[in-house]
C-alpha cells in the first residue's frame, strides 16, 4: 500500500462539521472547491457506534446525494466504535457530512480538512 505525504500536499483549513451530536445528524454544506480529497476525523466519546457518510453535489443548483467511488463503494467510514481518521478522494465542490447513530451511548464530532492528493 502506498503512502501519501500529507505534509507536502496543498491543504485547506480544518473545519468542524458536527460537534458532539448524540443522534443522527446532517451537517451544513461546506464548499471545498479547489481540492480533490477530504480528510475526515471522527471523534467518538463514549461506548456507542457511529457511521459517517460524505454526501455532495456539483453546484448550488444540484441535489445533495450519496457519493460512490469507481468501485460503487459509498464514501463512508462504516460502523465505528473508536475515533478514526479516513481519507476520501474524488469529492465534489460541495459536501455535507451525515453522522448516523448505530448504537446509542456515545457522542460524535466530525472535522474535515480538504486537500489535494
C-alpha atoms as a PDB file:
ATOM      1  CA  UNK A   1       0.000   0.000   0.000  1.00  0.00           C
ATOM      2  CA  UNK A   2       1.450   3.373  -0.955  1.00  0.00           C
ATOM      3  CA  UNK A   3       1.553   6.277   1.478  1.00  0.00           C
ATOM      4  CA  UNK A   4       0.645   9.892   0.779  1.00  0.00           C
ATOM      5  CA  UNK A   5       2.932  12.509   2.342  1.00  0.00           C
ATOM      6  CA  UNK A   6       0.228  14.904   3.553  1.00  0.00           C
ATOM      7  CA  UNK A   7       2.753  17.490   4.782  1.00  0.00           C
ATOM      8  CA  UNK A   8       3.794  18.194   1.179  1.00  0.00           C
ATOM      9  CA  UNK A   9       0.246  18.412  -0.157  1.00  0.00           C
ATOM     10  CA  UNK A  10      -1.862  21.552  -0.613  1.00  0.00           C
ATOM     11  CA  UNK A  11      -4.294  21.509   2.324  1.00  0.00           C
ATOM     12  CA  UNK A  12      -7.215  23.679   3.360  1.00  0.00           C
ATOM     13  CA  UNK A  13      -8.329  24.796   6.784  1.00  0.00           C
ATOM     14  CA  UNK A  14      -9.736  22.319   9.288  1.00  0.00           C
ATOM     15  CA  UNK A  15     -13.496  22.764   9.736  1.00  0.00           C
ATOM     16  CA  UNK A  16     -15.720  21.259  12.422  1.00  0.00           C
ATOM     17  CA  UNK A  17     -18.812  19.942  10.661  1.00  0.00           C
ATOM     18  CA  UNK A  18     -20.628  18.426  13.678  1.00  0.00           C
ATOM     19  CA  UNK A  19     -19.940  18.896  17.395  1.00  0.00           C
ATOM     20  CA  UNK A  20     -20.799  16.240  19.998  1.00  0.00           C
ATOM     21  CA  UNK A  21     -24.035  15.147  18.339  1.00  0.00           C
ATOM     22  CA  UNK A  22     -25.982  12.465  20.174  1.00  0.00           C
ATOM     23  CA  UNK A  23     -28.379  11.393  17.435  1.00  0.00           C
ATOM     24  CA  UNK A  24     -28.301  11.041  13.645  1.00  0.00           C
ATOM     25  CA  UNK A  25     -27.454  14.463  12.168  1.00  0.00           C
ATOM     26  CA  UNK A  26     -26.635  16.041   8.806  1.00  0.00           C
ATOM     27  CA  UNK A  27     -24.145  18.920   8.735  1.00  0.00           C
ATOM     28  CA  UNK A  28     -24.416  22.197   6.922  1.00  0.00           C
ATOM     29  CA  UNK A  29     -22.887  22.195   3.450  1.00  0.00           C
ATOM     30  CA  UNK A  30     -19.208  23.067   3.028  1.00  0.00           C
ATOM     31  CA  UNK A  31     -17.596  24.347  -0.180  1.00  0.00           C
ATOM     32  CA  UNK A  32     -14.238  22.662  -0.809  1.00  0.00           C
ATOM     33  CA  UNK A  33     -13.607  23.944  -4.342  1.00  0.00           C
ATOM     34  CA  UNK A  34     -10.005  23.595  -5.436  1.00  0.00           C
ATOM     35  CA  UNK A  35      -9.452  20.348  -3.544  1.00  0.00           C
ATOM     36  CA  UNK A  36      -9.920  16.776  -4.743  1.00  0.00           C
ATOM     37  CA  UNK A  37      -9.991  14.973  -1.402  1.00  0.00           C
ATOM     38  CA  UNK A  38     -11.075  15.400   2.193  1.00  0.00           C
ATOM     39  CA  UNK A  39      -9.550  14.028   5.387  1.00  0.00           C
ATOM     40  CA  UNK A  40     -12.345  13.224   7.841  1.00  0.00           C
ATOM     41  CA  UNK A  41     -11.763  12.928  11.588  1.00  0.00           C
ATOM     42  CA  UNK A  42     -14.499  11.223  13.584  1.00  0.00           C
ATOM     43  CA  UNK A  43     -14.198  11.667  17.343  1.00  0.00           C
ATOM     44  CA  UNK A  44     -16.339   9.260  19.352  1.00  0.00           C
ATOM     45  CA  UNK A  45     -16.836   9.963  23.037  1.00  0.00           C
ATOM     46  CA  UNK A  46     -18.477   7.093  24.890  1.00  0.00           C
ATOM     47  CA  UNK A  47     -19.421   3.493  24.172  1.00  0.00           C
ATOM     48  CA  UNK A  48     -21.679   3.749  21.138  1.00  0.00           C
ATOM     49  CA  UNK A  49     -21.382   3.120  17.406  1.00  0.00           C
ATOM     50  CA  UNK A  50     -21.491   5.711  14.603  1.00  0.00           C
ATOM     51  CA  UNK A  51     -21.243   5.696  10.814  1.00  0.00           C
ATOM     52  CA  UNK A  52     -20.239   8.821   8.865  1.00  0.00           C
ATOM     53  CA  UNK A  53     -21.096   9.290   5.185  1.00  0.00           C
ATOM     54  CA  UNK A  54     -19.938  12.011   2.808  1.00  0.00           C
ATOM     55  CA  UNK A  55     -22.628  13.368   0.501  1.00  0.00           C
ATOM     56  CA  UNK A  56     -22.358  16.118  -2.063  1.00  0.00           C
ATOM     57  CA  UNK A  57     -23.416  17.954  -5.167  1.00  0.00           C
ATOM     58  CA  UNK A  58     -21.639  19.557  -8.098  1.00  0.00           C
ATOM     59  CA  UNK A  59     -23.101  23.036  -7.705  1.00  0.00           C
ATOM     60  CA  UNK A  60     -25.622  25.002  -5.649  1.00  0.00           C
ATOM     61  CA  UNK A  61     -28.499  24.118  -8.002  1.00  0.00           C
ATOM     62  CA  UNK A  62     -27.836  20.367  -7.804  1.00  0.00           C
ATOM     63  CA  UNK A  63     -29.291  17.755  -5.484  1.00  0.00           C
ATOM     64  CA  UNK A  64     -27.296  16.563  -2.465  1.00  0.00           C
ATOM     65  CA  UNK A  65     -26.764  12.816  -2.816  1.00  0.00           C
ATOM     66  CA  UNK A  66     -24.566   9.961  -1.628  1.00  0.00           C
ATOM     67  CA  UNK A  67     -21.176   9.695  -3.352  1.00  0.00           C
ATOM     68  CA  UNK A  68     -19.752   6.390  -4.559  1.00  0.00           C
ATOM     69  CA  UNK A  69     -16.239   5.672  -5.836  1.00  0.00           C
ATOM     70  CA  UNK A  70     -15.269   3.918  -9.093  1.00  0.00           C
ATOM     71  CA  UNK A  71     -15.952   0.554  -7.433  1.00  0.00           C
ATOM     72  CA  UNK A  72     -19.506   1.602  -6.458  1.00  0.00           C
ATOM     73  CA  UNK A  73     -18.459   1.774  -2.797  1.00  0.00           C
ATOM     74  CA  UNK A  74     -20.031   4.646  -0.844  1.00  0.00           C
ATOM     75  CA  UNK A  75     -17.799   7.274   0.761  1.00  0.00           C
ATOM     76  CA  UNK A  76     -18.433   6.064   4.310  1.00  0.00           C
ATOM     77  CA  UNK A  77     -16.447   5.272   7.412  1.00  0.00           C
ATOM     78  CA  UNK A  78     -18.510   2.171   8.064  1.00  0.00           C
ATOM     79  CA  UNK A  79     -19.504   1.425  11.668  1.00  0.00           C
ATOM     80  CA  UNK A  80     -17.099   2.980  14.186  1.00  0.00           C
ATOM     81  CA  UNK A  81     -16.768   2.420  17.919  1.00  0.00           C
ATOM     82  CA  UNK A  82     -13.467   4.332  18.286  1.00  0.00           C
ATOM     83  CA  UNK A  83     -12.195   7.672  16.974  1.00  0.00           C
ATOM     84  CA  UNK A  84     -10.863   7.362  13.435  1.00  0.00           C
ATOM     85  CA  UNK A  85      -9.424   9.405  10.543  1.00  0.00           C
ATOM     86  CA  UNK A  86     -10.217   8.488   6.944  1.00  0.00           C
ATOM     87  CA  UNK A  87      -9.169   9.988   3.605  1.00  0.00           C
ATOM     88  CA  UNK A  88     -11.799  10.258   0.864  1.00  0.00           C
ATOM     89  CA  UNK A  89     -10.756  11.119  -2.712  1.00  0.00           C
ATOM     90  CA  UNK A  90     -12.670  12.387  -5.751  1.00  0.00           C
ATOM     91  CA  UNK A  91     -15.058  14.613  -3.817  1.00  0.00           C
ATOM     92  CA  UNK A  92     -17.225  17.331  -5.408  1.00  0.00           C
ATOM     93  CA  UNK A  93     -17.055  21.061  -4.648  1.00  0.00           C
ATOM     94  CA  UNK A  94     -19.939  20.957  -2.149  1.00  0.00           C
ATOM     95  CA  UNK A  95     -20.141  18.326   0.579  1.00  0.00           C
ATOM     96  CA  UNK A  96     -22.179  17.504   3.663  1.00  0.00           C
ATOM     97  CA  UNK A  97     -21.479  15.021   6.423  1.00  0.00           C
ATOM     98  CA  UNK A  98     -24.146  12.611   7.670  1.00  0.00           C
ATOM     99  CA  UNK A  99     -23.407  11.071  11.062  1.00  0.00           C
ATOM    100  CA  UNK A 100     -25.696   8.107  11.732  1.00  0.00           C
ATOM    101  CA  UNK A 101     -26.037   6.718  15.233  1.00  0.00           C
ATOM    102  CA  UNK A 102     -25.955   2.919  15.029  1.00  0.00           C
ATOM    103  CA  UNK A 103     -25.837   2.087  18.755  1.00  0.00           C
ATOM    104  CA  UNK A 104     -26.663   4.612  21.471  1.00  0.00           C
ATOM    105  CA  UNK A 105     -24.178   5.584  24.161  1.00  0.00           C
ATOM    106  CA  UNK A 106     -21.673   7.975  22.562  1.00  0.00           C
ATOM    107  CA  UNK A 107     -21.461  11.415  21.012  1.00  0.00           C
ATOM    108  CA  UNK A 108     -19.834  12.097  17.661  1.00  0.00           C
ATOM    109  CA  UNK A 109     -17.793  15.085  16.473  1.00  0.00           C
ATOM    110  CA  UNK A 110     -16.742  15.297  12.826  1.00  0.00           C
ATOM    111  CA  UNK A 111     -13.968  17.549  11.488  1.00  0.00           C
ATOM    112  CA  UNK A 112     -12.742  17.791   7.904  1.00  0.00           C
ATOM    113  CA  UNK A 113      -9.671  19.079   6.122  1.00  0.00           C
ATOM    114  CA  UNK A 114      -9.818  19.469   2.337  1.00  0.00           C
ATOM    115  CA  UNK A 115      -6.618  18.651   0.492  1.00  0.00           C
ATOM    116  CA  UNK A 116      -5.166  17.625  -2.847  1.00  0.00           C
ATOM    117  CA  UNK A 117      -3.709  14.177  -3.435  1.00  0.00           C
END
